[in-house]
Amino acid sequence: MLRKYFILLVLGCFTCFYGNSQSEYTNNKSINSLLAKKRKYNDKNGTGFRIQLYNGAEKRARNIKQNFNSKFPGVYSKLKYETPDWKVQVGRYQNRLEADKALNKIKEKFSGAIVIPL
């Protein structure tokens, strides 16, 4: 009997503590301001993942992009220049799981493909 009261007391204290601590964070203006800034940054700069097929010379990069477009029509592809290399990046994936699923299919045709964060 005493054991039941002790367990109820502990659970009651935990519930009160958890409820108060949760509201303390959700009502904090600084945290809400930071979250708003992060969302704005993500909208402007993007988040997620892409698959990179190639990193190197321009001529080969253009050929790989063209080859990819013919084998995977409708999948976003991008040719990007970062001194001194050209990169072929494809897809727009919200999370790593989506990118990894697509990578499995793409690797059948482009064995050197890797997932990269945006």
N, C-alpha and C. Protein backbone atom coordinates (compact mmCIF):
# COMPACT_ATOMS: atom_id res chain seq x y z
N MET A 1 0.82 -1.19 0.00
CA MET A 1 0.00 0.00 0.00
C MET A 1 0.87 1.26 0.00
N LEU A 2 1.86 1.26 0.87
CA LEU A 2 2.78 2.38 0.95
C LEU A 2 3.54 2.55 -0.38
N ARG A 3 3.83 1.42 -0.99
CA ARG A 3 4.54 1.43 -2.27
C ARG A 3 3.71 2.12 -3.36
N LYS A 4 2.40 1.90 -3.39
CA LYS A 4 1.51 2.52 -4.36
C LYS A 4 1.51 4.03 -4.19
N TYR A 5 1.43 4.50 -2.94
CA TYR A 5 1.42 5.94 -2.67
C TYR A 5 2.75 6.58 -3.10
N PHE A 6 3.83 5.88 -2.87
CA PHE A 6 5.14 6.39 -3.25
C PHE A 6 5.23 6.54 -4.77
N ILE A 7 4.77 5.52 -5.48
CA ILE A 7 4.81 5.57 -6.95
C ILE A 7 3.93 6.70 -7.48
N LEU A 8 2.74 6.86 -6.91
CA LEU A 8 1.86 7.95 -7.33
C LEU A 8 2.49 9.32 -7.05
N LEU A 9 3.13 9.43 -5.90
CA LEU A 9 3.78 10.69 -5.55
C LEU A 9 4.90 11.02 -6.54
N VAL A 10 5.72 10.03 -6.87
CA VAL A 10 6.82 10.24 -7.81
C VAL A 10 6.27 10.61 -9.19
N LEU A 11 5.26 9.89 -9.66
CA LEU A 11 4.67 10.21 -10.96
C LEU A 11 4.04 11.60 -10.98
N GLY A 12 3.39 11.97 -9.91
CA GLY A 12 2.78 13.29 -9.81
C GLY A 12 3.82 14.39 -9.86
N CYS A 13 4.92 14.21 -9.14
CA CYS A 13 6.00 15.21 -9.17
C CYS A 13 6.62 15.31 -10.55
N PHE A 14 6.83 14.17 -11.18
CA PHE A 14 7.42 14.16 -12.50
C PHE A 14 6.53 14.88 -13.50
N THR A 15 5.22 14.63 -13.44
CA THR A 15 4.27 15.26 -14.35
C THR A 15 4.27 16.77 -14.16
N CYS A 16 4.25 17.21 -12.92
CA CYS A 16 4.27 18.66 -12.65
C CYS A 16 5.56 19.29 -13.16
N PHE A 17 6.68 18.67 -12.87
CA PHE A 17 7.98 19.19 -13.29
C PHE A 17 8.07 19.24 -14.81
N TYR A 18 7.67 18.17 -15.47
CA TYR A 18 7.76 18.11 -16.92
C TYR A 18 6.84 19.14 -17.56
N GLY A 19 5.64 19.26 -17.06
CA GLY A 19 4.69 20.23 -17.60
C GLY A 19 5.20 21.65 -17.47
N ASN A 20 5.78 21.99 -16.32
CA ASN A 20 6.31 23.34 -16.12
C ASN A 20 7.53 23.60 -16.99
N SER A 21 8.40 22.63 -17.09
CA SER A 21 9.61 22.85 -17.88
C SER A 21 9.28 22.97 -19.36
N GLN A 22 8.28 22.26 -19.84
CA GLN A 22 7.90 22.32 -21.24
C GLN A 22 7.36 23.71 -21.57
N SER A 23 6.47 24.23 -20.75
CA SER A 23 5.90 25.54 -21.03
C SER A 23 6.94 26.63 -20.91
N GLU A 24 7.95 26.41 -20.07
CA GLU A 24 9.03 27.38 -19.91
C GLU A 24 9.77 27.57 -21.24
N TYR A 25 9.94 26.51 -22.01
CA TYR A 25 10.66 26.60 -23.27
C TYR A 25 9.78 27.07 -24.42
N THR A 26 8.55 26.65 -24.46
CA THR A 26 7.70 27.03 -25.58
C THR A 26 7.25 28.49 -25.49
N ASN A 27 7.29 29.07 -24.32
CA ASN A 27 6.90 30.47 -24.17
C ASN A 27 8.09 31.42 -24.17
N ASN A 28 9.29 30.91 -24.33
CA ASN A 28 10.48 31.72 -24.30
C ASN A 28 10.63 32.48 -25.62
N LYS A 29 10.65 33.81 -25.56
CA LYS A 29 10.71 34.63 -26.77
C LYS A 29 12.03 34.48 -27.51
N SER A 30 13.11 34.27 -26.78
CA SER A 30 14.42 34.12 -27.42
C SER A 30 14.46 32.87 -28.29
N ILE A 31 13.92 31.78 -27.77
CA ILE A 31 13.92 30.53 -28.53
C ILE A 31 13.01 30.66 -29.75
N ASN A 32 11.84 31.24 -29.57
CA ASN A 32 10.94 31.43 -30.70
C ASN A 32 11.56 32.32 -31.76
N SER A 33 12.31 33.34 -31.34
CA SER A 33 12.99 34.22 -32.28
C SER A 33 14.06 33.46 -33.06
N LEU A 34 14.82 32.62 -32.37
CA LEU A 34 15.85 31.82 -33.05
C LEU A 34 15.23 30.84 -34.04
N LEU A 35 14.12 30.23 -33.65
CA LEU A 35 13.44 29.30 -34.56
C LEU A 35 12.95 30.03 -35.81
N ALA A 36 12.42 31.23 -35.64
CA ALA A 36 11.95 32.01 -36.78
C ALA A 36 13.11 32.37 -37.71
N LYS A 37 14.26 32.74 -37.13
CA LYS A 37 15.44 33.05 -37.94
C LYS A 37 15.93 31.82 -38.70
N LYS A 38 15.91 30.67 -38.04
CA LYS A 38 16.35 29.43 -38.68
C LYS A 38 15.43 29.07 -39.85
N ARG A 39 14.14 29.21 -39.65
CA ARG A 39 13.19 28.93 -40.75
C ARG A 39 13.42 29.86 -41.94
N LYS A 40 13.66 31.14 -41.64
CA LYS A 40 13.91 32.12 -42.69
C LYS A 40 15.19 31.77 -43.45
N TYR A 41 16.22 31.39 -42.73
CA TYR A 41 17.49 30.99 -43.34
C TYR A 41 17.29 29.76 -44.23
N ASN A 42 16.55 28.78 -43.73
CA ASN A 42 16.31 27.55 -44.50
C ASN A 42 15.52 27.84 -45.77
N ASP A 43 14.55 28.76 -45.70
CA ASP A 43 13.78 29.11 -46.88
C ASP A 43 14.68 29.75 -47.95
N LYS A 44 15.61 30.57 -47.49
CA LYS A 44 16.49 31.28 -48.41
C LYS A 44 17.59 30.37 -48.97
N ASN A 45 18.22 29.59 -48.12
CA ASN A 45 19.39 28.81 -48.52
C ASN A 45 19.12 27.34 -48.79
N GLY A 46 17.99 26.86 -48.36
CA GLY A 46 17.66 25.47 -48.59
C GLY A 46 18.25 24.54 -47.54
N THR A 47 17.61 23.43 -47.39
CA THR A 47 18.10 22.40 -46.49
C THR A 47 17.90 21.07 -47.19
N GLY A 48 18.54 20.09 -46.70
CA GLY A 48 18.34 18.77 -47.26
C GLY A 48 19.61 18.21 -47.85
N PHE A 49 19.42 17.38 -48.88
CA PHE A 49 20.53 16.63 -49.46
C PHE A 49 20.41 16.57 -50.97
N ARG A 50 21.55 16.37 -51.60
CA ARG A 50 21.62 16.09 -53.03
C ARG A 50 22.54 14.90 -53.22
N ILE A 51 22.54 14.38 -54.42
CA ILE A 51 23.46 13.30 -54.78
C ILE A 51 24.46 13.89 -55.77
N GLN A 52 25.74 13.72 -55.46
CA GLN A 52 26.78 14.22 -56.35
C GLN A 52 27.31 13.05 -57.18
N LEU A 53 27.27 13.25 -58.49
CA LEU A 53 27.70 12.21 -59.42
C LEU A 53 29.16 12.34 -59.81
N TYR A 54 29.63 13.58 -59.88
CA TYR A 54 30.98 13.79 -60.41
C TYR A 54 31.55 15.08 -59.87
N ASN A 55 32.89 15.11 -59.79
CA ASN A 55 33.64 16.29 -59.38
C ASN A 55 34.94 16.28 -60.18
N GLY A 56 35.07 17.22 -61.13
CA GLY A 56 36.28 17.22 -61.94
C GLY A 56 36.19 18.17 -63.13
N ALA A 57 36.66 17.71 -64.28
CA ALA A 57 36.77 18.53 -65.49
C ALA A 57 35.40 18.87 -66.08
N GLU A 58 35.34 20.06 -66.70
CA GLU A 58 34.07 20.56 -67.23
C GLU A 58 33.47 19.67 -68.31
N LYS A 59 34.28 19.26 -69.28
CA LYS A 59 33.75 18.48 -70.41
C LYS A 59 33.13 17.17 -69.92
N ARG A 60 33.83 16.49 -69.03
CA ARG A 60 33.29 15.23 -68.49
C ARG A 60 32.04 15.48 -67.65
N ALA A 61 32.03 16.57 -66.90
CA ALA A 61 30.87 16.92 -66.08
C ALA A 61 29.64 17.13 -66.95
N ARG A 62 29.81 17.86 -68.04
CA ARG A 62 28.67 18.10 -68.95
C ARG A 62 28.17 16.79 -69.57
N ASN A 63 29.08 15.91 -69.92
CA ASN A 63 28.70 14.60 -70.49
C ASN A 63 27.94 13.76 -69.45
N ILE A 64 28.40 13.76 -68.23
CA ILE A 64 27.73 12.98 -67.17
C ILE A 64 26.34 13.53 -66.90
N LYS A 65 26.21 14.86 -66.86
CA LYS A 65 24.89 15.47 -66.63
C LYS A 65 23.92 15.10 -67.76
N GLN A 66 24.40 15.17 -68.99
CA GLN A 66 23.56 14.81 -70.14
C GLN A 66 23.16 13.33 -70.08
N ASN A 67 24.11 12.49 -69.74
CA ASN A 67 23.84 11.06 -69.61
C ASN A 67 22.82 10.80 -68.50
N PHE A 68 22.97 11.49 -67.38
CA PHE A 68 22.02 11.33 -66.27
C PHE A 68 20.62 11.75 -66.71
N ASN A 69 20.53 12.89 -67.37
CA ASN A 69 19.21 13.39 -67.80
C ASN A 69 18.51 12.42 -68.74
N SER A 70 19.27 11.71 -69.55
CA SER A 70 18.65 10.74 -70.46
C SER A 70 18.20 9.48 -69.71
N LYS A 71 18.93 9.09 -68.67
CA LYS A 71 18.57 7.88 -67.92
C LYS A 71 17.56 8.13 -66.81
N PHE A 72 17.51 9.34 -66.28
CA PHE A 72 16.59 9.69 -65.20
C PHE A 72 15.85 10.98 -65.55
N PRO A 73 14.99 10.94 -66.56
CA PRO A 73 14.26 12.16 -66.93
C PRO A 73 13.33 12.59 -65.79
N GLY A 74 13.24 13.88 -65.62
CA GLY A 74 12.35 14.40 -64.58
C GLY A 74 13.03 14.59 -63.23
N VAL A 75 14.24 14.08 -63.05
CA VAL A 75 14.97 14.29 -61.80
C VAL A 75 15.83 15.54 -61.96
N TYR A 76 15.72 16.46 -61.01
CA TYR A 76 16.48 17.71 -61.04
C TYR A 76 17.97 17.41 -61.13
N SER A 77 18.67 18.13 -62.03
CA SER A 77 20.12 17.99 -62.12
C SER A 77 20.74 19.38 -62.25
N LYS A 78 21.95 19.49 -61.75
CA LYS A 78 22.59 20.79 -61.68
C LYS A 78 24.08 20.64 -61.95
N LEU A 79 24.62 21.55 -62.76
CA LEU A 79 26.04 21.63 -63.01
C LEU A 79 26.55 22.83 -62.21
N LYS A 80 27.52 22.59 -61.34
CA LYS A 80 27.98 23.63 -60.41
C LYS A 80 29.49 23.77 -60.54
N TYR A 81 29.97 25.03 -60.56
CA TYR A 81 31.41 25.26 -60.64
C TYR A 81 31.92 25.80 -59.31
N GLU A 82 32.88 25.10 -58.74
CA GLU A 82 33.60 25.56 -57.56
C GLU A 82 35.07 25.40 -57.87
N THR A 83 35.76 26.50 -57.99
CA THR A 83 37.15 26.51 -58.41
C THR A 83 37.95 25.41 -57.74
N PRO A 84 38.65 24.60 -58.43
CA PRO A 84 38.85 24.52 -59.88
C PRO A 84 37.98 23.44 -60.53
N ASP A 85 37.02 22.88 -59.83
CA ASP A 85 36.27 21.72 -60.32
C ASP A 85 34.82 22.02 -60.66
N TRP A 86 34.28 21.19 -61.54
CA TRP A 86 32.87 21.18 -61.88
C TRP A 86 32.22 20.01 -61.15
N LYS A 87 31.00 20.22 -60.69
CA LYS A 87 30.28 19.18 -59.95
C LYS A 87 28.94 18.93 -60.63
N VAL A 88 28.56 17.68 -60.68
CA VAL A 88 27.23 17.31 -61.17
C VAL A 88 26.46 16.83 -59.95
N GLN A 89 25.40 17.57 -59.61
CA GLN A 89 24.57 17.23 -58.46
C GLN A 89 23.14 17.05 -58.92
N VAL A 90 22.47 16.07 -58.31
CA VAL A 90 21.11 15.75 -58.74
C VAL A 90 20.18 15.59 -57.53
N GLY A 91 18.91 15.82 -57.79
CA GLY A 91 17.88 15.59 -56.79
C GLY A 91 17.78 16.69 -55.76
N ARG A 92 16.64 16.69 -55.08
CA ARG A 92 16.38 17.57 -53.94
C ARG A 92 15.67 16.70 -52.90
N TYR A 93 16.37 16.36 -51.85
CA TYR A 93 15.83 15.43 -50.86
C TYR A 93 15.75 16.11 -49.51
N GLN A 94 14.62 15.96 -48.85
CA GLN A 94 14.39 16.61 -47.56
C GLN A 94 15.21 15.99 -46.43
N ASN A 95 15.42 14.68 -46.50
CA ASN A 95 16.16 14.02 -45.42
C ASN A 95 17.10 12.97 -46.01
N ARG A 96 17.95 12.46 -45.16
CA ARG A 96 18.99 11.52 -45.59
C ARG A 96 18.37 10.20 -46.08
N LEU A 97 17.27 9.78 -45.47
CA LEU A 97 16.62 8.53 -45.87
C LEU A 97 16.15 8.59 -47.33
N GLU A 98 15.50 9.70 -47.72
CA GLU A 98 15.06 9.86 -49.10
C GLU A 98 16.26 9.84 -50.06
N ALA A 99 17.31 10.54 -49.67
CA ALA A 99 18.51 10.59 -50.52
C ALA A 99 19.16 9.22 -50.67
N ASP A 100 19.22 8.48 -49.58
CA ASP A 100 19.82 7.13 -49.64
C ASP A 100 19.01 6.19 -50.51
N LYS A 101 17.69 6.30 -50.47
CA LYS A 101 16.84 5.46 -51.33
C LYS A 101 17.10 5.76 -52.80
N ALA A 102 17.18 7.05 -53.12
CA ALA A 102 17.46 7.44 -54.51
C ALA A 102 18.87 7.03 -54.91
N LEU A 103 19.81 7.14 -53.98
CA LEU A 103 21.20 6.77 -54.26
C LEU A 103 21.32 5.31 -54.69
N ASN A 104 20.54 4.44 -54.06
CA ASN A 104 20.58 3.02 -54.42
C ASN A 104 20.23 2.81 -55.89
N LYS A 105 19.24 3.54 -56.40
CA LYS A 105 18.85 3.40 -57.81
C LYS A 105 19.88 4.04 -58.73
N ILE A 106 20.37 5.21 -58.32
CA ILE A 106 21.31 5.95 -59.16
C ILE A 106 22.65 5.24 -59.24
N LYS A 107 23.07 4.60 -58.17
CA LYS A 107 24.37 3.91 -58.16
C LYS A 107 24.43 2.75 -59.15
N GLU A 108 23.27 2.24 -59.57
CA GLU A 108 23.26 1.18 -60.58
C GLU A 108 23.86 1.69 -61.90
N LYS A 109 23.68 2.97 -62.20
CA LYS A 109 24.19 3.56 -63.43
C LYS A 109 25.42 4.45 -63.22
N PHE A 110 25.54 5.04 -62.01
CA PHE A 110 26.63 5.95 -61.69
C PHE A 110 27.26 5.50 -60.38
N SER A 111 28.24 4.61 -60.47
CA SER A 111 28.78 3.95 -59.29
C SER A 111 29.49 4.87 -58.31
N GLY A 112 29.99 6.00 -58.76
CA GLY A 112 30.72 6.91 -57.87
C GLY A 112 29.85 7.92 -57.15
N ALA A 113 28.54 7.80 -57.26
CA ALA A 113 27.63 8.78 -56.66
C ALA A 113 27.69 8.74 -55.14
N ILE A 114 27.56 9.94 -54.53
CA ILE A 114 27.55 10.07 -53.08
C ILE A 114 26.48 11.05 -52.66
N VAL A 115 25.97 10.92 -51.43
CA VAL A 115 25.01 11.86 -50.87
C VAL A 115 25.78 12.98 -50.20
N ILE A 116 25.34 14.23 -50.48
CA ILE A 116 25.97 15.39 -49.85
C ILE A 116 24.89 16.28 -49.22
N PRO A 117 25.20 16.91 -48.09
CA PRO A 117 24.25 17.85 -47.50
C PRO A 117 24.27 19.18 -48.25
N LEU A 118 23.18 19.89 -48.23
CA LEU A 118 23.15 21.23 -48.87
C LEU A 118 23.72 22.25 -47.95
